[in-house]
Amino acid sequence: MDALGSTLTNKVGLQLLLCPLGSNVVIRTACCSVGIALPVYSTFKAIERKDQDDQQKWLIYWAVYGSFSIVEVFSDKLLSWFPMYYHLKFAFLVWLQLPSAEGARQLYTNHLRPFLLRHQARVDKLVGFGNHQMVRVFSTHQAVFQFAKTVLMKIMGTGDLPFRGTSQQEHNEIEGPPSPISETQSDHEE
């Protein structure tokens, strides 16, 4: 009976993942888990173990994944209409990480590295220009950013007030003291 339950669970899970007519929520979640969550943890482990080979493997993965993400930003709206797009993306992300396939290393060595070496001077200029412009915008509009930060902090500080279980004293500090109504005033109003 136990084997039947696990077989049934696996079959239902696999159908949810591979069902092209159903919602893409499951497969998109799987893509996120395989493409980001697992590599983040694997990168953490490689750093903590101080394993140079593993660190290089995950640096290469992140370079390829980042390049893929840049391409996907511009093509996702078009490609997502193709049937099985997210399934192919899932398979691609798994292929990038499989130790037997070393997909990330193959793409990096054969395509990404030669491209970046060929265009390194242009990319350096572009990155330098972008960095300079960003510094210029932030320094020019520093007062605006400070104001936005202050407003955001006030919103965040008071936005969760109803959920924090505030005491009456804390509520009074925000709202101000309650207006004093004497018994004689309340008697006259009735």
C-alpha atoms as a PDB file:
ATOM      1  CA  MET A   1       0.000   0.000   0.000  1.00  0.00           C
ATOM      2  CA  ASP A   2       2.865   2.346   0.845  1.00  0.00           C
ATOM      3  CA  ALA A   3       4.460   1.754  -2.568  1.00  0.00           C
ATOM      4  CA  LEU A   4       1.140   2.511  -4.262  1.00  0.00           C
ATOM      5  CA  GLY A   5       0.879   5.849  -2.444  1.00  0.00           C
ATOM      6  CA  SER A   6       4.388   6.955  -3.414  1.00  0.00           C
ATOM      7  CA  THR A   7       3.859   5.854  -7.041  1.00  0.00           C
ATOM      8  CA  LEU A   8       0.587   7.764  -7.193  1.00  0.00           C
ATOM      9  CA  THR A   9       2.187  10.865  -5.654  1.00  0.00           C
ATOM     10  CA  ASN A  10       5.105  10.745  -8.090  1.00  0.00           C
ATOM     11  CA  LYS A  11       2.766  10.296 -11.060  1.00  0.00           C
ATOM     12  CA  VAL A  12       0.545  13.226 -10.015  1.00  0.00           C
ATOM     13  CA  GLY A  13       3.590  15.437  -9.353  1.00  0.00           C
ATOM     14  CA  LEU A  14       5.121  14.583 -12.699  1.00  0.00           C
ATOM     15  CA  GLN A  15       1.811  15.231 -14.490  1.00  0.00           C
ATOM     16  CA  LEU A  16       1.546  18.648 -12.818  1.00  0.00           C
ATOM     17  CA  LEU A  17       5.081  19.493 -13.879  1.00  0.00           C
ATOM     18  CA  LEU A  18       4.784  18.293 -17.443  1.00  0.00           C
ATOM     19  CA  CYS A  19       1.147  19.103 -18.242  1.00  0.00           C
ATOM     20  CA  PRO A  20       1.347  21.554 -21.158  1.00  0.00           C
ATOM     21  CA  LEU A  21      -2.347  22.461 -20.999  1.00  0.00           C
ATOM     22  CA  GLY A  22      -2.362  23.324 -17.317  1.00  0.00           C
ATOM     23  CA  SER A  23      -1.115  26.395 -15.582  1.00  0.00           C
ATOM     24  CA  ASN A  24       2.537  27.336 -15.983  1.00  0.00           C
ATOM     25  CA  VAL A  25       2.781  28.180 -12.277  1.00  0.00           C
ATOM     26  CA  VAL A  26       4.250  24.808 -11.315  1.00  0.00           C
ATOM     27  CA  ILE A  27       6.842  24.685 -14.089  1.00  0.00           C
ATOM     28  CA  ARG A  28       7.793  28.348 -13.568  1.00  0.00           C
ATOM     29  CA  THR A  29       8.285  27.643  -9.854  1.00  0.00           C
ATOM     30  CA  ALA A  30      10.396  24.628 -10.776  1.00  0.00           C
ATOM     31  CA  CYS A  31      12.477  26.827 -13.110  1.00  0.00           C
ATOM     32  CA  CYS A  32      13.052  29.316 -10.323  1.00  0.00           C
ATOM     33  CA  SER A  33      13.979  26.577  -7.861  1.00  0.00           C
ATOM     34  CA  VAL A  34      16.360  24.819 -10.225  1.00  0.00           C
ATOM     35  CA  GLY A  35      17.755  27.976 -11.824  1.00  0.00           C
ATOM     36  CA  ILE A  36      18.242  30.102  -8.700  1.00  0.00           C
ATOM     37  CA  ALA A  37      17.512  28.463  -5.331  1.00  0.00           C
ATOM     38  CA  LEU A  38      19.626  25.334  -5.749  1.00  0.00           C
ATOM     39  CA  PRO A  39      22.591  27.187  -7.313  1.00  0.00           C
ATOM     40  CA  VAL A  40      22.523  29.805  -4.527  1.00  0.00           C
ATOM     41  CA  TYR A  41      22.813  27.074  -1.919  1.00  0.00           C
ATOM     42  CA  SER A  42      25.442  25.192  -3.912  1.00  0.00           C
ATOM     43  CA  THR A  43      27.442  28.420  -4.293  1.00  0.00           C
ATOM     44  CA  PHE A  44      27.203  28.990  -0.529  1.00  0.00           C
ATOM     45  CA  LYS A  45      28.491  25.473   0.134  1.00  0.00           C
ATOM     46  CA  ALA A  46      31.381  25.916  -2.328  1.00  0.00           C
ATOM     47  CA  ILE A  47      32.394  29.174  -0.639  1.00  0.00           C
ATOM     48  CA  GLU A  48      32.178  27.722   2.859  1.00  0.00           C
ATOM     49  CA  ARG A  49      34.187  24.627   1.890  1.00  0.00           C
ATOM     50  CA  LYS A  50      36.762  26.854   0.169  1.00  0.00           C
ATOM     51  CA  ASP A  51      36.722  24.452  -2.791  1.00  0.00           C
ATOM     52  CA  GLN A  52      38.320  26.371  -5.690  1.00  0.00           C
ATOM     53  CA  ASP A  53      37.060  23.984  -8.376  1.00  0.00           C
ATOM     54  CA  ASP A  54      33.493  24.126  -7.098  1.00  0.00           C
ATOM     55  CA  GLN A  55      33.681  27.925  -6.760  1.00  0.00           C
ATOM     56  CA  GLN A  56      34.839  28.228 -10.375  1.00  0.00           C
ATOM     57  CA  LYS A  57      32.060  25.887 -11.499  1.00  0.00           C
ATOM     58  CA  TRP A  58      29.417  28.091  -9.846  1.00  0.00           C
ATOM     59  CA  LEU A  59      30.992  31.339 -11.060  1.00  0.00           C
ATOM     60  CA  ILE A  60      30.782  29.968 -14.596  1.00  0.00           C
ATOM     61  CA  TYR A  61      27.176  28.912 -13.976  1.00  0.00           C
ATOM     62  CA  TRP A  62      26.239  32.411 -12.750  1.00  0.00           C
ATOM     63  CA  ALA A  63      27.962  34.043 -15.750  1.00  0.00           C
ATOM     64  CA  VAL A  64      25.999  31.821 -18.141  1.00  0.00           C
ATOM     65  CA  TYR A  65      22.759  32.159 -16.167  1.00  0.00           C
ATOM     66  CA  GLY A  66      23.129  35.946 -16.065  1.00  0.00           C
ATOM     67  CA  SER A  67      23.716  36.070 -19.816  1.00  0.00           C
ATOM     68  CA  PHE A  68      20.695  33.843 -20.365  1.00  0.00           C
ATOM     69  CA  SER A  69      18.612  36.120 -18.112  1.00  0.00           C
ATOM     70  CA  ILE A  70      19.624  39.196 -20.120  1.00  0.00           C
ATOM     71  CA  VAL A  71      18.568  37.501 -23.352  1.00  0.00           C
ATOM     72  CA  GLU A  72      15.384  36.263 -21.720  1.00  0.00           C
ATOM     73  CA  VAL A  73      14.367  39.752 -20.565  1.00  0.00           C
ATOM     74  CA  PHE A  74      14.094  40.821 -24.188  1.00  0.00           C
ATOM     75  CA  SER A  75      12.669  37.590 -25.598  1.00  0.00           C
ATOM     76  CA  ASP A  76      10.488  36.186 -22.790  1.00  0.00           C
ATOM     77  CA  LYS A  77       7.252  37.880 -23.884  1.00  0.00           C
ATOM     78  CA  LEU A  78       7.623  36.408 -27.350  1.00  0.00           C
ATOM     79  CA  LEU A  79       9.013  33.002 -26.403  1.00  0.00           C
ATOM     80  CA  SER A  80       6.555  32.355 -23.566  1.00  0.00           C
ATOM     81  CA  TRP A  81       3.793  32.012 -26.179  1.00  0.00           C
ATOM     82  CA  PHE A  82       5.494  28.976 -27.693  1.00  0.00           C
ATOM     83  CA  PRO A  83       4.138  25.680 -26.383  1.00  0.00           C
ATOM     84  CA  MET A  84       6.388  23.994 -23.863  1.00  0.00           C
ATOM     85  CA  TYR A  85       8.655  27.070 -23.524  1.00  0.00           C
ATOM     86  CA  TYR A  86       8.934  26.777 -19.741  1.00  0.00           C
ATOM     87  CA  HIS A  87       9.482  23.035 -20.016  1.00  0.00           C
ATOM     88  CA  LEU A  88      12.390  23.636 -22.384  1.00  0.00           C
ATOM     89  CA  LYS A  89      13.711  26.339 -20.078  1.00  0.00           C
ATOM     90  CA  PHE A  90      13.540  23.907 -17.153  1.00  0.00           C
ATOM     91  CA  ALA A  91      15.434  21.269 -19.152  1.00  0.00           C
ATOM     92  CA  PHE A  92      18.018  23.886 -20.183  1.00  0.00           C
ATOM     93  CA  LEU A  93      18.579  24.953 -16.553  1.00  0.00           C
ATOM     94  CA  VAL A  94      18.993  21.333 -15.480  1.00  0.00           C
ATOM     95  CA  TRP A  95      21.425  20.750 -18.365  1.00  0.00           C
ATOM     96  CA  LEU A  96      23.500  23.764 -17.291  1.00  0.00           C
ATOM     97  CA  GLN A  97      24.062  22.199 -13.876  1.00  0.00           C
ATOM     98  CA  LEU A  98      24.376  18.492 -14.623  1.00  0.00           C
ATOM     99  CA  PRO A  99      27.901  17.355 -13.741  1.00  0.00           C
ATOM    100  CA  SER A 100      27.853  14.807 -16.573  1.00  0.00           C
ATOM    101  CA  ALA A 101      26.902  17.419 -19.201  1.00  0.00           C
ATOM    102  CA  GLU A 102      28.734  20.478 -17.830  1.00  0.00           C
ATOM    103  CA  GLY A 103      26.405  22.632 -19.919  1.00  0.00           C
ATOM    104  CA  ALA A 104      27.395  25.886 -18.259  1.00  0.00           C
ATOM    105  CA  ARG A 105      31.089  25.218 -18.847  1.00  0.00           C
ATOM    106  CA  GLN A 106      30.451  24.312 -22.499  1.00  0.00           C
ATOM    107  CA  LEU A 107      28.454  27.492 -23.159  1.00  0.00           C
ATOM    108  CA  TYR A 108      30.995  29.623 -21.304  1.00  0.00           C
ATOM    109  CA  THR A 109      34.022  28.131 -23.051  1.00  0.00           C
ATOM    110  CA  ASN A 110      32.566  27.957 -26.561  1.00  0.00           C
ATOM    111  CA  HIS A 111      30.418  31.089 -26.707  1.00  0.00           C
ATOM    112  CA  LEU A 112      30.399  33.492 -23.756  1.00  0.00           C
ATOM    113  CA  ARG A 113      34.142  33.734 -23.101  1.00  0.00           C
ATOM    114  CA  PRO A 114      35.112  34.294 -26.764  1.00  0.00           C
ATOM    115  CA  PHE A 115      32.338  36.887 -27.136  1.00  0.00           C
ATOM    116  CA  LEU A 116      33.407  38.797 -24.015  1.00  0.00           C
ATOM    117  CA  LEU A 117      37.099  38.640 -24.936  1.00  0.00           C
ATOM    118  CA  ARG A 118      36.326  39.998 -28.393  1.00  0.00           C
ATOM    119  CA  HIS A 119      34.180  42.852 -27.017  1.00  0.00           C
ATOM    120  CA  GLN A 120      35.936  43.450 -23.694  1.00  0.00           C
ATOM    121  CA  ALA A 121      37.063  47.013 -24.474  1.00  0.00           C
ATOM    122  CA  ARG A 122      33.546  48.056 -25.552  1.00  0.00           C
ATOM    123  CA  VAL A 123      31.929  46.384 -22.556  1.00  0.00           C
ATOM    124  CA  ASP A 124      34.413  48.075 -20.194  1.00  0.00           C
ATOM    125  CA  LYS A 125      33.578  51.475 -21.739  1.00  0.00           C
ATOM    126  CA  LEU A 126      29.859  50.780 -21.487  1.00  0.00           C
ATOM    127  CA  VAL A 127      30.115  49.669 -17.855  1.00  0.00           C
ATOM    128  CA  GLY A 128      32.287  52.700 -17.007  1.00  0.00           C
ATOM    129  CA  PHE A 129      29.832  55.049 -18.719  1.00  0.00           C
ATOM    130  CA  GLY A 130      26.872  53.432 -16.936  1.00  0.00           C
ATOM    131  CA  ASN A 131      28.636  53.660 -13.587  1.00  0.00           C
ATOM    132  CA  HIS A 132      29.517  57.327 -14.177  1.00  0.00           C
ATOM    133  CA  GLN A 133      25.908  58.144 -15.148  1.00  0.00           C
ATOM    134  CA  MET A 134      24.540  56.346 -12.116  1.00  0.00           C
ATOM    135  CA  VAL A 135      26.858  58.250  -9.764  1.00  0.00           C
ATOM    136  CA  ARG A 136      25.897  61.501 -11.493  1.00  0.00           C
ATOM    137  CA  VAL A 137      22.161  60.832 -11.147  1.00  0.00           C
ATOM    138  CA  PHE A 138      22.464  59.876  -7.497  1.00  0.00           C
ATOM    139  CA  SER A 139      24.604  62.895  -6.620  1.00  0.00           C
ATOM    140  CA  THR A 140      22.362  65.289  -8.582  1.00  0.00           C
ATOM    141  CA  HIS A 141      19.163  63.979  -7.022  1.00  0.00           C
ATOM    142  CA  GLN A 142      20.466  63.131  -3.577  1.00  0.00           C
ATOM    143  CA  ALA A 143      17.831  65.259  -1.819  1.00  0.00           C
ATOM    144  CA  VAL A 144      15.032  63.484  -3.721  1.00  0.00           C
ATOM    145  CA  PHE A 145      16.415  60.068  -2.816  1.00  0.00           C
ATOM    146  CA  GLN A 146      16.758  61.119   0.838  1.00  0.00           C
ATOM    147  CA  PHE A 147      13.146  62.375   0.860  1.00  0.00           C
ATOM    148  CA  ALA A 148      11.915  59.126  -0.737  1.00  0.00           C
ATOM    149  CA  LYS A 149      13.881  57.116   1.806  1.00  0.00           C
ATOM    150  CA  THR A 150      12.383  59.122   4.683  1.00  0.00           C
ATOM    151  CA  VAL A 151       8.854  58.698   3.346  1.00  0.00           C
ATOM    152  CA  LEU A 152       9.399  54.987   2.778  1.00  0.00           C
ATOM    153  CA  MET A 153      10.776  54.518   6.280  1.00  0.00           C
ATOM    154  CA  LYS A 154       7.785  56.324   7.768  1.00  0.00           C
ATOM    155  CA  ILE A 155       5.381  54.221   5.719  1.00  0.00           C
ATOM    156  CA  MET A 156       7.155  51.019   6.645  1.00  0.00           C
ATOM    157  CA  GLY A 157       7.373  52.055  10.280  1.00  0.00           C
ATOM    158  CA  THR A 158       3.676  52.825  10.621  1.00  0.00           C
ATOM    159  CA  GLY A 159       2.267  50.491   7.983  1.00  0.00           C
ATOM    160  CA  ASP A 160       2.628  47.398  10.125  1.00  0.00           C
ATOM    161  CA  LEU A 161       1.382  49.110  13.295  1.00  0.00           C
ATOM    162  CA  PRO A 162      -1.970  47.261  13.368  1.00  0.00           C
ATOM    163  CA  PHE A 163      -0.145  43.945  13.069  1.00  0.00           C
ATOM    164  CA  ARG A 164       2.404  44.546  15.808  1.00  0.00           C
ATOM    165  CA  GLY A 165      -0.102  44.443  18.652  1.00  0.00           C
ATOM    166  CA  THR A 166       0.580  47.971  19.810  1.00  0.00           C
ATOM    167  CA  SER A 167      -0.405  49.066  23.243  1.00  0.00           C
ATOM    168  CA  GLN A 168      -2.732  51.983  23.880  1.00  0.00           C
ATOM    169  CA  GLN A 169       0.239  54.099  24.987  1.00  0.00           C
ATOM    170  CA  GLU A 170       2.083  53.497  21.673  1.00  0.00           C
ATOM    171  CA  HIS A 171      -1.122  54.268  19.786  1.00  0.00           C
ATOM    172  CA  ASN A 172      -1.505  57.530  21.715  1.00  0.00           C
ATOM    173  CA  GLU A 173       2.056  58.535  20.888  1.00  0.00           C
ATOM    174  CA  ILE A 174       1.262  58.256  17.196  1.00  0.00           C
ATOM    175  CA  GLU A 175      -2.278  59.615  17.208  1.00  0.00           C
ATOM    176  CA  GLY A 176      -1.761  62.118  20.011  1.00  0.00           C
ATOM    177  CA  PRO A 177      -3.447  62.088  23.402  1.00  0.00           C
ATOM    178  CA  PRO A 178      -7.189  61.419  23.493  1.00  0.00           C
ATOM    179  CA  SER A 179      -9.303  64.531  23.724  1.00  0.00           C
ATOM    180  CA  PRO A 180     -10.368  65.110  27.311  1.00  0.00           C
ATOM    181  CA  ILE A 181     -14.134  64.912  27.712  1.00  0.00           C
ATOM    182  CA  SER A 182     -15.359  65.669  31.153  1.00  0.00           C
ATOM    183  CA  GLU A 183     -18.410  64.021  32.583  1.00  0.00           C
ATOM    184  CA  THR A 184     -20.274  67.331  32.557  1.00  0.00           C
ATOM    185  CA  GLN A 185     -19.712  67.738  28.794  1.00  0.00           C
ATOM    186  CA  SER A 186     -20.942  64.238  28.053  1.00  0.00           C
ATOM    187  CA  ASP A 187     -24.011  64.811  30.260  1.00  0.00           C
ATOM    188  CA  HIS A 188     -24.918  68.006  28.355  1.00  0.00           C
ATOM    189  CA  GLU A 189     -24.643  66.269  24.968  1.00  0.00           C
ATOM    190  CA  GLU A 190     -27.245  63.639  25.861  1.00  0.00           C
END
